[in-house]
Amino acid sequence: MIPVMVLRNKTNSERYLAACMEVGDWSDENLDVTINNIQNAYIIVRKDLAAPTSEDFEEHKASHIEFNRHMIEKFGDSAFISLDFEGVCEAYEPVNIEISYEQYKYAIEMMD
């Protein structure tokens, strides 16, 4: 089993943020996925495969904020920002779970 961090919906604890629209659950108003399809969730994983920490999450969040700042600085207010991670953090909370190696491999392929 591989320890990962996923983002659980704060108002529906049985749903998790999808990695992208293409793998979201279209029967859910937010496209959130269930634990049964957790390999399709937005996953944070450490390179050393240790359990992600709250510090890892904060670093991940900071990298999104920095990327968005850079995009706006370079392209102005019309910059395309595909993920408002700060907004995501208002509706989702990070939780640690374990996924199978097969689910991990699938998730890594989606990230590439």
C-alpha atoms as a PDB file:
ATOM      1  CA  MET A   1       0.000   0.000   0.000  1.00  0.00           C
ATOM      2  CA  ILE A   2       1.141   3.520  -0.834  1.00  0.00           C
ATOM      3  CA  PRO A   3       0.400   6.426   1.553  1.00  0.00           C
ATOM      4  CA  VAL A   4      -1.072   9.459  -0.239  1.00  0.00           C
ATOM      5  CA  MET A   5      -3.001  12.603   0.558  1.00  0.00           C
ATOM      6  CA  VAL A   6      -6.350  13.306  -1.094  1.00  0.00           C
ATOM      7  CA  LEU A   7      -8.765  16.214  -0.743  1.00  0.00           C
ATOM      8  CA  ARG A   8     -12.064  15.291   0.909  1.00  0.00           C
ATOM      9  CA  ASN A   9     -15.159  17.400   0.328  1.00  0.00           C
ATOM     10  CA  LYS A  10     -15.949  19.258   3.577  1.00  0.00           C
ATOM     11  CA  THR A  11     -19.718  18.968   3.094  1.00  0.00           C
ATOM     12  CA  ASN A  12     -19.783  15.396   1.765  1.00  0.00           C
ATOM     13  CA  SER A  13     -17.156  13.279   3.474  1.00  0.00           C
ATOM     14  CA  GLU A  14     -17.741  10.391   1.055  1.00  0.00           C
ATOM     15  CA  ARG A  15     -16.499  12.434  -1.909  1.00  0.00           C
ATOM     16  CA  TYR A  16     -13.016  13.507  -2.991  1.00  0.00           C
ATOM     17  CA  LEU A  17     -11.715  16.100  -5.473  1.00  0.00           C
ATOM     18  CA  ALA A  18     -11.173  14.529  -8.892  1.00  0.00           C
ATOM     19  CA  ALA A  19      -7.790  14.848 -10.560  1.00  0.00           C
ATOM     20  CA  CYS A  20      -9.439  16.433 -13.600  1.00  0.00           C
ATOM     21  CA  MET A  21     -12.796  16.718 -15.367  1.00  0.00           C
ATOM     22  CA  GLU A  22     -12.091  13.744 -17.600  1.00  0.00           C
ATOM     23  CA  VAL A  23     -11.989  11.313 -14.659  1.00  0.00           C
ATOM     24  CA  GLY A  24     -14.584  13.008 -12.469  1.00  0.00           C
ATOM     25  CA  ASP A  25     -17.839  11.317 -11.537  1.00  0.00           C
ATOM     26  CA  TRP A  26     -20.378  13.039 -13.791  1.00  0.00           C
ATOM     27  CA  SER A  27     -23.220  11.894 -11.528  1.00  0.00           C
ATOM     28  CA  ASP A  28     -21.850  14.228  -8.828  1.00  0.00           C
ATOM     29  CA  GLU A  29     -22.518  17.977  -9.085  1.00  0.00           C
ATOM     30  CA  ASN A  30     -18.844  18.713  -8.283  1.00  0.00           C
ATOM     31  CA  LEU A  31     -17.471  15.770 -10.296  1.00  0.00           C
ATOM     32  CA  ASP A  32     -16.072  14.433  -7.010  1.00  0.00           C
ATOM     33  CA  VAL A  33     -15.119  10.764  -6.890  1.00  0.00           C
ATOM     34  CA  THR A  34     -15.812   8.132  -4.255  1.00  0.00           C
ATOM     35  CA  ILE A  35     -13.316   5.952  -2.422  1.00  0.00           C
ATOM     36  CA  ASN A  36     -14.149   3.194  -4.923  1.00  0.00           C
ATOM     37  CA  ASN A  37     -12.547   5.306  -7.681  1.00  0.00           C
ATOM     38  CA  ILE A  38      -9.927   7.000  -5.540  1.00  0.00           C
ATOM     39  CA  GLN A  39      -7.268   6.457  -8.226  1.00  0.00           C
ATOM     40  CA  ASN A  40      -9.130   9.254 -10.093  1.00  0.00           C
ATOM     41  CA  ALA A  41      -8.753  11.676  -7.189  1.00  0.00           C
ATOM     42  CA  TYR A  42      -6.384  14.627  -6.948  1.00  0.00           C
ATOM     43  CA  ILE A  43      -3.499  12.923  -5.165  1.00  0.00           C
ATOM     44  CA  ILE A  44      -0.481  14.325  -3.369  1.00  0.00           C
ATOM     45  CA  VAL A  45       2.315  11.799  -3.027  1.00  0.00           C
ATOM     46  CA  ARG A  46       5.869  12.123  -1.811  1.00  0.00           C
ATOM     47  CA  LYS A  47       8.743  11.006  -4.030  1.00  0.00           C
ATOM     48  CA  ASP A  48      10.105   8.868  -1.190  1.00  0.00           C
ATOM     49  CA  LEU A  49       6.624   7.310  -0.756  1.00  0.00           C
ATOM     50  CA  ALA A  50       6.488   8.328   2.909  1.00  0.00           C
ATOM     51  CA  ALA A  51       3.136   9.499   4.251  1.00  0.00           C
ATOM     52  CA  PRO A  52       2.483  13.106   3.181  1.00  0.00           C
ATOM     53  CA  THR A  53       2.485  15.586   6.058  1.00  0.00           C
ATOM     54  CA  SER A  54       0.677  18.857   6.673  1.00  0.00           C
ATOM     55  CA  GLU A  55       3.984  20.554   5.771  1.00  0.00           C
ATOM     56  CA  ASP A  56       3.939  18.754   2.406  1.00  0.00           C
ATOM     57  CA  PHE A  57       0.394  20.002   1.858  1.00  0.00           C
ATOM     58  CA  GLU A  58       1.338  23.583   2.699  1.00  0.00           C
ATOM     59  CA  GLU A  59       4.304  23.395   0.298  1.00  0.00           C
ATOM     60  CA  HIS A  60       1.995  22.029  -2.399  1.00  0.00           C
ATOM     61  CA  LYS A  61      -0.459  24.841  -1.762  1.00  0.00           C
ATOM     62  CA  ALA A  62       2.328  27.440  -1.845  1.00  0.00           C
ATOM     63  CA  SER A  63       3.590  26.113  -5.188  1.00  0.00           C
ATOM     64  CA  HIS A  64       0.099  26.565  -6.683  1.00  0.00           C
ATOM     65  CA  ILE A  65      -0.118  30.103  -5.326  1.00  0.00           C
ATOM     66  CA  GLU A  66       3.312  30.935  -6.741  1.00  0.00           C
ATOM     67  CA  PHE A  67       2.452  29.430 -10.138  1.00  0.00           C
ATOM     68  CA  ASN A  68      -0.788  31.435 -10.296  1.00  0.00           C
ATOM     69  CA  ARG A  69       1.050  34.612  -9.290  1.00  0.00           C
ATOM     70  CA  HIS A  70       3.625  34.001 -12.017  1.00  0.00           C
ATOM     71  CA  MET A  71       0.918  33.382 -14.644  1.00  0.00           C
ATOM     72  CA  ILE A  72      -0.918  36.605 -13.726  1.00  0.00           C
ATOM     73  CA  GLU A  73       2.355  38.541 -13.679  1.00  0.00           C
ATOM     74  CA  LYS A  74       3.267  37.223 -17.120  1.00  0.00           C
ATOM     75  CA  PHE A  75      -0.162  37.267 -18.826  1.00  0.00           C
ATOM     76  CA  GLY A  76      -2.190  39.712 -16.767  1.00  0.00           C
ATOM     77  CA  ASP A  77      -5.696  39.275 -15.405  1.00  0.00           C
ATOM     78  CA  SER A  78      -6.700  37.207 -18.433  1.00  0.00           C
ATOM     79  CA  ALA A  79      -4.175  34.470 -17.561  1.00  0.00           C
ATOM     80  CA  PHE A  80      -5.608  30.956 -17.743  1.00  0.00           C
ATOM     81  CA  ILE A  81      -5.529  29.440 -14.256  1.00  0.00           C
ATOM     82  CA  SER A  82      -6.720  25.843 -14.498  1.00  0.00           C
ATOM     83  CA  LEU A  83      -6.935  25.207 -10.751  1.00  0.00           C
ATOM     84  CA  ASP A  84      -7.687  27.762  -8.049  1.00  0.00           C
ATOM     85  CA  PHE A  85      -6.088  25.740  -5.273  1.00  0.00           C
ATOM     86  CA  GLU A  86      -6.881  28.356  -2.642  1.00  0.00           C
ATOM     87  CA  GLY A  87     -10.541  28.039  -3.617  1.00  0.00           C
ATOM     88  CA  VAL A  88     -10.257  24.264  -3.506  1.00  0.00           C
ATOM     89  CA  CYS A  89      -8.928  24.504   0.053  1.00  0.00           C
ATOM     90  CA  GLU A  90     -12.083  26.345   1.101  1.00  0.00           C
ATOM     91  CA  ALA A  91     -14.262  23.393   0.068  1.00  0.00           C
ATOM     92  CA  TYR A  92     -11.903  20.436   0.624  1.00  0.00           C
ATOM     93  CA  GLU A  93      -9.667  19.212   3.421  1.00  0.00           C
ATOM     94  CA  PRO A  94      -6.511  17.120   3.083  1.00  0.00           C
ATOM     95  CA  VAL A  95      -6.695  13.571   4.441  1.00  0.00           C
ATOM     96  CA  ASN A  96      -4.198  10.747   4.377  1.00  0.00           C
ATOM     97  CA  ILE A  97      -5.189   7.364   2.993  1.00  0.00           C
ATOM     98  CA  GLU A  98      -3.448   4.393   1.438  1.00  0.00           C
ATOM     99  CA  ILE A  99      -3.964   3.180  -2.103  1.00  0.00           C
ATOM    100  CA  SER A 100      -2.854   0.002  -3.841  1.00  0.00           C
ATOM    101  CA  TYR A 101       0.254  -0.054  -5.981  1.00  0.00           C
ATOM    102  CA  GLU A 102      -1.934  -0.461  -9.086  1.00  0.00           C
ATOM    103  CA  GLN A 103      -3.975   2.619  -8.151  1.00  0.00           C
ATOM    104  CA  TYR A 104      -0.740   4.508  -7.494  1.00  0.00           C
ATOM    105  CA  LYS A 105       0.674   3.577 -10.922  1.00  0.00           C
ATOM    106  CA  TYR A 106      -2.563   4.714 -12.595  1.00  0.00           C
ATOM    107  CA  ALA A 107      -2.555   8.011 -10.670  1.00  0.00           C
ATOM    108  CA  ILE A 108       1.088   8.689 -11.557  1.00  0.00           C
ATOM    109  CA  GLU A 109       0.370   8.037 -15.251  1.00  0.00           C
ATOM    110  CA  MET A 110      -2.476  10.567 -15.098  1.00  0.00           C
ATOM    111  CA  MET A 111      -0.183  13.163 -13.523  1.00  0.00           C
ATOM    112  CA  ASP A 112       2.301  12.885 -16.385  1.00  0.00           C
END
